[in-house]
Amino acid sequence: MLDVQGKDGIKRLSGDNRQDTNAEVIEEFFVTGNPSGNTAATKVVVAKSDNKGMVDALGAGLYAGLNNAPVVLATNSLTEDQEDAIDQIVINKTQTTINRVAVGNGIASSVIKYIKDMVK
């Protein structure tokens, strides 16, 4: 476990909306706080960010945790903060092949294409 503590022993990660908070989580656990120092992810998991899709994100979280992969919450688009967070884990990647995993239907093809193009 990472030692992330703030006031009352809890470090709060937040953004302007759920997608920006998602970017903060990716940066905290895959860029800033990765104890191995390796900021590359071998998989990127995408789940819907709308209210109906949050159930998909629960399943995606389990899969991502078992595979040391970030969950990207996106239904129709990525925020600039998410793009920046993904850029950081992709730019620093090792020579490991990136696998893309989408959970559930309803994620815009433009989101999948953007992530796919980033990890080529």
N, C-alpha and C. Protein backbone atom coordinates (compact mmCIF):
# COMPACT_ATOMS: atom_id res chain seq x y z
N MET A 1 0.83 -1.19 0.00
CA MET A 1 0.00 0.00 0.00
C MET A 1 0.87 1.24 0.00
N LEU A 2 0.41 2.23 -0.70
CA LEU A 2 1.11 3.51 -0.71
C LEU A 2 0.76 4.30 0.54
N ASP A 3 1.71 5.03 1.04
CA ASP A 3 1.47 5.87 2.20
C ASP A 3 1.06 7.25 1.71
N VAL A 4 -0.24 7.47 1.53
CA VAL A 4 -0.74 8.77 1.09
C VAL A 4 -1.59 9.33 2.21
N GLN A 5 -1.02 10.28 2.93
CA GLN A 5 -1.73 10.82 4.07
C GLN A 5 -1.75 12.34 4.05
N GLY A 6 -2.78 12.88 4.55
CA GLY A 6 -2.92 14.31 4.71
C GLY A 6 -3.57 14.58 6.05
N LYS A 7 -4.46 15.55 6.09
CA LYS A 7 -5.17 15.87 7.33
C LYS A 7 -5.90 14.63 7.83
N ASP A 8 -5.75 14.36 9.10
CA ASP A 8 -6.37 13.20 9.73
C ASP A 8 -5.92 11.88 9.10
N GLY A 9 -4.73 11.87 8.50
CA GLY A 9 -4.21 10.64 7.92
C GLY A 9 -4.82 10.26 6.58
N ILE A 10 -5.59 11.16 5.99
CA ILE A 10 -6.25 10.85 4.72
C ILE A 10 -5.86 11.89 3.68
N LYS A 11 -5.44 11.43 2.52
CA LYS A 11 -5.16 12.34 1.42
C LYS A 11 -6.36 12.30 0.49
N ARG A 12 -6.94 13.45 0.24
CA ARG A 12 -8.13 13.54 -0.59
C ARG A 12 -7.72 13.90 -2.01
N LEU A 13 -8.18 13.13 -2.97
CA LEU A 13 -7.95 13.40 -4.38
C LEU A 13 -9.25 13.89 -4.97
N SER A 14 -9.22 15.04 -5.64
CA SER A 14 -10.45 15.56 -6.21
C SER A 14 -10.15 16.44 -7.41
N GLY A 15 -11.18 16.62 -8.22
CA GLY A 15 -11.10 17.50 -9.38
C GLY A 15 -12.41 18.24 -9.52
N ASP A 16 -12.56 18.99 -10.61
CA ASP A 16 -13.78 19.76 -10.84
C ASP A 16 -14.98 18.87 -11.13
N ASN A 17 -14.74 17.67 -11.64
CA ASN A 17 -15.81 16.72 -11.96
C ASN A 17 -15.24 15.31 -11.84
N ARG A 18 -16.05 14.30 -12.08
CA ARG A 18 -15.56 12.93 -11.86
C ARG A 18 -14.43 12.56 -12.80
N GLN A 19 -14.42 13.12 -14.01
CA GLN A 19 -13.33 12.79 -14.93
C GLN A 19 -12.02 13.45 -14.50
N ASP A 20 -12.08 14.67 -14.02
CA ASP A 20 -10.86 15.32 -13.52
C ASP A 20 -10.36 14.65 -12.24
N THR A 21 -11.29 14.18 -11.40
CA THR A 21 -10.89 13.40 -10.23
C THR A 21 -10.23 12.11 -10.67
N ASN A 22 -10.76 11.50 -11.71
CA ASN A 22 -10.16 10.30 -12.29
C ASN A 22 -8.72 10.57 -12.72
N ALA A 23 -8.48 11.71 -13.34
CA ALA A 23 -7.12 12.08 -13.75
C ALA A 23 -6.21 12.21 -12.54
N GLU A 24 -6.72 12.79 -11.46
CA GLU A 24 -5.93 12.93 -10.22
C GLU A 24 -5.54 11.56 -9.67
N VAL A 25 -6.47 10.63 -9.71
CA VAL A 25 -6.19 9.27 -9.22
C VAL A 25 -5.12 8.60 -10.08
N ILE A 26 -5.23 8.73 -11.40
CA ILE A 26 -4.22 8.16 -12.30
C ILE A 26 -2.86 8.76 -12.00
N GLU A 27 -2.80 10.07 -11.85
CA GLU A 27 -1.52 10.72 -11.57
C GLU A 27 -0.96 10.29 -10.22
N GLU A 28 -1.81 10.15 -9.22
CA GLU A 28 -1.34 9.77 -7.88
C GLU A 28 -0.77 8.36 -7.85
N PHE A 29 -1.43 7.43 -8.49
CA PHE A 29 -1.03 6.04 -8.35
C PHE A 29 -0.17 5.51 -9.49
N PHE A 30 -0.14 6.21 -10.62
CA PHE A 30 0.67 5.72 -11.74
C PHE A 30 1.80 6.65 -12.12
N VAL A 31 1.77 7.88 -11.65
CA VAL A 31 2.83 8.82 -11.99
C VAL A 31 3.61 9.21 -10.75
N THR A 32 2.94 9.81 -9.77
CA THR A 32 3.59 10.35 -8.58
C THR A 32 3.97 9.29 -7.57
N GLY A 33 3.02 8.45 -7.21
CA GLY A 33 3.22 7.58 -6.06
C GLY A 33 3.55 6.14 -6.35
N ASN A 34 3.88 5.81 -7.58
CA ASN A 34 4.18 4.42 -7.90
C ASN A 34 5.47 4.01 -7.20
N PRO A 35 5.40 3.11 -6.23
CA PRO A 35 6.59 2.77 -5.45
C PRO A 35 7.69 2.12 -6.28
N SER A 36 7.35 1.49 -7.40
CA SER A 36 8.37 0.84 -8.22
C SER A 36 9.14 1.86 -9.05
N GLY A 37 8.60 3.07 -9.17
CA GLY A 37 9.24 4.09 -10.00
C GLY A 37 8.93 3.92 -11.48
N ASN A 38 8.23 2.84 -11.83
CA ASN A 38 7.86 2.59 -13.22
C ASN A 38 6.48 3.18 -13.44
N THR A 39 6.39 4.25 -14.22
CA THR A 39 5.11 4.91 -14.42
C THR A 39 4.33 4.33 -15.59
N ALA A 40 4.87 3.33 -16.24
CA ALA A 40 4.17 2.75 -17.37
C ALA A 40 3.10 1.78 -16.90
N ALA A 41 1.98 1.80 -17.59
CA ALA A 41 0.93 0.82 -17.35
C ALA A 41 0.95 -0.17 -18.50
N THR A 42 0.72 -1.43 -18.21
CA THR A 42 0.70 -2.43 -19.27
C THR A 42 -0.68 -2.58 -19.87
N LYS A 43 -1.69 -2.06 -19.18
CA LYS A 43 -3.06 -2.09 -19.69
C LYS A 43 -3.73 -0.77 -19.32
N VAL A 44 -4.69 -0.37 -20.12
CA VAL A 44 -5.52 0.79 -19.83
C VAL A 44 -6.96 0.32 -19.90
N VAL A 45 -7.71 0.48 -18.82
CA VAL A 45 -9.10 0.05 -18.75
C VAL A 45 -9.98 1.28 -18.90
N VAL A 46 -11.00 1.19 -19.76
CA VAL A 46 -11.91 2.31 -19.98
C VAL A 46 -13.30 1.89 -19.55
N ALA A 47 -13.94 2.71 -18.72
CA ALA A 47 -15.31 2.47 -18.28
C ALA A 47 -16.12 3.75 -18.45
N LYS A 48 -17.42 3.59 -18.60
CA LYS A 48 -18.29 4.76 -18.78
C LYS A 48 -18.27 5.65 -17.55
N SER A 49 -18.39 6.95 -17.79
CA SER A 49 -18.36 7.91 -16.68
C SER A 49 -19.74 8.45 -16.32
N ASP A 50 -20.77 8.07 -17.08
CA ASP A 50 -22.10 8.58 -16.75
C ASP A 50 -22.68 7.82 -15.57
N ASN A 51 -23.78 8.31 -15.02
CA ASN A 51 -24.36 7.69 -13.82
C ASN A 51 -24.75 6.24 -14.04
N LYS A 52 -25.28 5.91 -15.22
CA LYS A 52 -25.69 4.53 -15.49
C LYS A 52 -24.48 3.62 -15.66
N GLY A 53 -23.36 4.18 -16.08
CA GLY A 53 -22.17 3.37 -16.33
C GLY A 53 -21.28 3.16 -15.13
N MET A 54 -21.61 3.77 -14.02
CA MET A 54 -20.73 3.63 -12.85
C MET A 54 -20.68 2.19 -12.35
N VAL A 55 -21.71 1.41 -12.63
CA VAL A 55 -21.67 -0.01 -12.27
C VAL A 55 -20.56 -0.70 -13.05
N ASP A 56 -20.40 -0.35 -14.33
CA ASP A 56 -19.31 -0.90 -15.14
C ASP A 56 -17.96 -0.55 -14.54
N ALA A 57 -17.85 0.66 -13.99
CA ALA A 57 -16.58 1.10 -13.41
C ALA A 57 -16.21 0.26 -12.18
N LEU A 58 -17.21 -0.24 -11.46
CA LEU A 58 -16.92 -1.11 -10.31
C LEU A 58 -16.23 -2.39 -10.77
N GLY A 59 -16.76 -3.01 -11.81
CA GLY A 59 -16.13 -4.20 -12.35
C GLY A 59 -14.78 -3.90 -12.97
N ALA A 60 -14.69 -2.76 -13.61
CA ALA A 60 -13.43 -2.35 -14.23
C ALA A 60 -12.36 -2.15 -13.16
N GLY A 61 -12.76 -1.62 -12.01
CA GLY A 61 -11.81 -1.38 -10.93
C GLY A 61 -11.16 -2.66 -10.43
N LEU A 62 -11.95 -3.72 -10.30
CA LEU A 62 -11.41 -5.00 -9.87
C LEU A 62 -10.41 -5.53 -10.90
N TYR A 63 -10.81 -5.51 -12.16
CA TYR A 63 -9.92 -5.97 -13.24
C TYR A 63 -8.65 -5.14 -13.27
N ALA A 64 -8.80 -3.83 -13.17
CA ALA A 64 -7.64 -2.93 -13.22
C ALA A 64 -6.70 -3.19 -12.05
N GLY A 65 -7.26 -3.36 -10.86
CA GLY A 65 -6.43 -3.62 -9.69
C GLY A 65 -5.61 -4.89 -9.82
N LEU A 66 -6.21 -5.91 -10.37
CA LEU A 66 -5.51 -7.18 -10.55
C LEU A 66 -4.44 -7.09 -11.64
N ASN A 67 -4.56 -6.10 -12.52
CA ASN A 67 -3.64 -5.97 -13.65
C ASN A 67 -2.77 -4.72 -13.59
N ASN A 68 -2.74 -4.05 -12.44
CA ASN A 68 -1.95 -2.83 -12.27
C ASN A 68 -2.21 -1.84 -13.41
N ALA A 69 -3.48 -1.61 -13.67
CA ALA A 69 -3.88 -0.75 -14.79
C ALA A 69 -4.75 0.40 -14.28
N PRO A 70 -4.62 1.57 -14.90
CA PRO A 70 -5.52 2.67 -14.54
C PRO A 70 -6.89 2.46 -15.16
N VAL A 71 -7.92 2.94 -14.48
CA VAL A 71 -9.26 2.99 -15.04
C VAL A 71 -9.48 4.40 -15.55
N VAL A 72 -9.83 4.54 -16.80
CA VAL A 72 -10.14 5.84 -17.38
C VAL A 72 -11.66 5.92 -17.49
N LEU A 73 -12.26 6.90 -16.81
CA LEU A 73 -13.71 7.09 -16.87
C LEU A 73 -14.04 8.04 -18.00
N ALA A 74 -14.70 7.54 -19.02
CA ALA A 74 -15.04 8.38 -20.17
C ALA A 74 -16.21 7.77 -20.91
N THR A 75 -17.22 8.56 -21.18
CA THR A 75 -18.34 8.10 -21.99
C THR A 75 -18.25 8.70 -23.38
N ASN A 76 -18.29 10.03 -23.47
CA ASN A 76 -18.27 10.69 -24.77
C ASN A 76 -16.95 11.36 -25.11
N SER A 77 -16.16 11.68 -24.10
CA SER A 77 -14.89 12.37 -24.36
C SER A 77 -13.99 12.28 -23.13
N LEU A 78 -12.74 12.64 -23.34
CA LEU A 78 -11.77 12.74 -22.24
C LEU A 78 -11.59 14.21 -21.91
N THR A 79 -11.32 14.52 -20.65
CA THR A 79 -10.98 15.89 -20.30
C THR A 79 -9.50 16.11 -20.58
N GLU A 80 -9.10 17.35 -20.61
CA GLU A 80 -7.69 17.67 -20.82
C GLU A 80 -6.83 17.07 -19.70
N ASP A 81 -7.34 17.09 -18.47
CA ASP A 81 -6.60 16.50 -17.35
C ASP A 81 -6.40 15.00 -17.55
N GLN A 82 -7.43 14.31 -18.05
CA GLN A 82 -7.29 12.88 -18.32
C GLN A 82 -6.26 12.63 -19.42
N GLU A 83 -6.32 13.42 -20.48
CA GLU A 83 -5.36 13.27 -21.57
C GLU A 83 -3.94 13.45 -21.05
N ASP A 84 -3.74 14.46 -20.21
CA ASP A 84 -2.40 14.71 -19.64
C ASP A 84 -1.95 13.53 -18.77
N ALA A 85 -2.85 13.00 -17.96
CA ALA A 85 -2.49 11.87 -17.09
C ALA A 85 -2.13 10.64 -17.92
N ILE A 86 -2.90 10.37 -18.96
CA ILE A 86 -2.60 9.22 -19.82
C ILE A 86 -1.29 9.45 -20.55
N ASP A 87 -1.07 10.67 -21.02
CA ASP A 87 0.21 11.00 -21.68
C ASP A 87 1.39 10.66 -20.79
N GLN A 88 1.28 10.96 -19.51
CA GLN A 88 2.39 10.73 -18.59
C GLN A 88 2.71 9.26 -18.41
N ILE A 89 1.70 8.41 -18.37
CA ILE A 89 2.00 6.99 -18.20
C ILE A 89 2.40 6.34 -19.51
N VAL A 90 2.01 6.94 -20.63
CA VAL A 90 2.39 6.38 -21.92
C VAL A 90 3.76 6.86 -22.35
N ILE A 91 4.07 8.13 -22.15
CA ILE A 91 5.38 8.67 -22.54
C ILE A 91 6.49 7.93 -21.82
N ASN A 92 6.27 7.57 -20.58
CA ASN A 92 7.30 6.92 -19.78
C ASN A 92 7.22 5.40 -19.83
N LYS A 93 6.47 4.86 -20.77
CA LYS A 93 6.28 3.41 -20.78
C LYS A 93 7.56 2.66 -21.12
N THR A 94 7.64 1.45 -20.63
CA THR A 94 8.74 0.56 -21.00
C THR A 94 8.37 -0.03 -22.35
N GLN A 95 9.05 -1.03 -22.78
CA GLN A 95 8.75 -1.63 -24.08
C GLN A 95 7.63 -2.65 -24.00
N THR A 96 6.87 -2.59 -22.93
CA THR A 96 5.74 -3.49 -22.75
C THR A 96 4.61 -3.09 -23.68
N THR A 97 3.96 -4.07 -24.28
CA THR A 97 2.82 -3.80 -25.15
C THR A 97 1.64 -3.36 -24.30
N ILE A 98 0.94 -2.34 -24.75
CA ILE A 98 -0.24 -1.85 -24.05
C ILE A 98 -1.46 -2.58 -24.58
N ASN A 99 -2.26 -3.13 -23.69
CA ASN A 99 -3.53 -3.74 -24.05
C ASN A 99 -4.63 -2.79 -23.62
N ARG A 100 -5.61 -2.59 -24.47
CA ARG A 100 -6.73 -1.72 -24.15
C ARG A 100 -7.95 -2.59 -23.82
N VAL A 101 -8.61 -2.30 -22.73
CA VAL A 101 -9.76 -3.07 -22.30
C VAL A 101 -10.90 -2.11 -22.05
N ALA A 102 -12.04 -2.33 -22.70
CA ALA A 102 -13.22 -1.50 -22.48
C ALA A 102 -14.25 -2.35 -21.74
N VAL A 103 -14.86 -1.79 -20.71
CA VAL A 103 -15.87 -2.50 -19.93
C VAL A 103 -17.23 -1.89 -20.27
N GLY A 104 -18.16 -2.70 -20.71
CA GLY A 104 -19.50 -2.23 -21.03
C GLY A 104 -19.58 -1.57 -22.39
N ASN A 105 -20.80 -1.37 -22.85
CA ASN A 105 -21.04 -0.68 -24.11
C ASN A 105 -21.35 0.77 -23.83
N GLY A 106 -21.27 1.60 -24.85
CA GLY A 106 -21.66 2.99 -24.70
C GLY A 106 -20.52 3.97 -24.59
N ILE A 107 -19.29 3.49 -24.67
CA ILE A 107 -18.15 4.40 -24.66
C ILE A 107 -17.94 4.86 -26.09
N ALA A 108 -17.83 6.16 -26.29
CA ALA A 108 -17.68 6.71 -27.63
C ALA A 108 -16.46 6.13 -28.33
N SER A 109 -16.63 5.79 -29.60
CA SER A 109 -15.51 5.23 -30.37
C SER A 109 -14.36 6.23 -30.44
N SER A 110 -14.66 7.53 -30.37
CA SER A 110 -13.59 8.53 -30.42
C SER A 110 -12.69 8.44 -29.18
N VAL A 111 -13.27 8.08 -28.03
CA VAL A 111 -12.47 7.91 -26.81
C VAL A 111 -11.55 6.71 -26.96
N ILE A 112 -12.10 5.58 -27.41
CA ILE A 112 -11.29 4.38 -27.61
C ILE A 112 -10.20 4.65 -28.63
N LYS A 113 -10.53 5.33 -29.73
CA LYS A 113 -9.54 5.64 -30.77
C LYS A 113 -8.44 6.54 -30.21
N TYR A 114 -8.81 7.54 -29.43
CA TYR A 114 -7.82 8.45 -28.86
C TYR A 114 -6.82 7.69 -28.00
N ILE A 115 -7.33 6.85 -27.12
CA ILE A 115 -6.44 6.08 -26.24
C ILE A 115 -5.61 5.10 -27.06
N LYS A 116 -6.24 4.46 -28.03
CA LYS A 116 -5.52 3.51 -28.89
C LYS A 116 -4.38 4.22 -29.61
N ASP A 117 -4.64 5.40 -30.14
CA ASP A 117 -3.60 6.16 -30.86
C ASP A 117 -2.48 6.61 -29.93
N MET A 118 -2.82 6.88 -28.67
CA MET A 118 -1.80 7.33 -27.71
C MET A 118 -0.82 6.23 -27.35
N VAL A 119 -1.28 5.00 -27.36
CA VAL A 119 -0.44 3.92 -26.87
C VAL A 119 0.21 3.10 -27.98
N LYS A 120 0.14 3.58 -29.19
CA LYS A 120 0.80 2.87 -30.29
C LYS A 120 2.29 2.95 -30.14
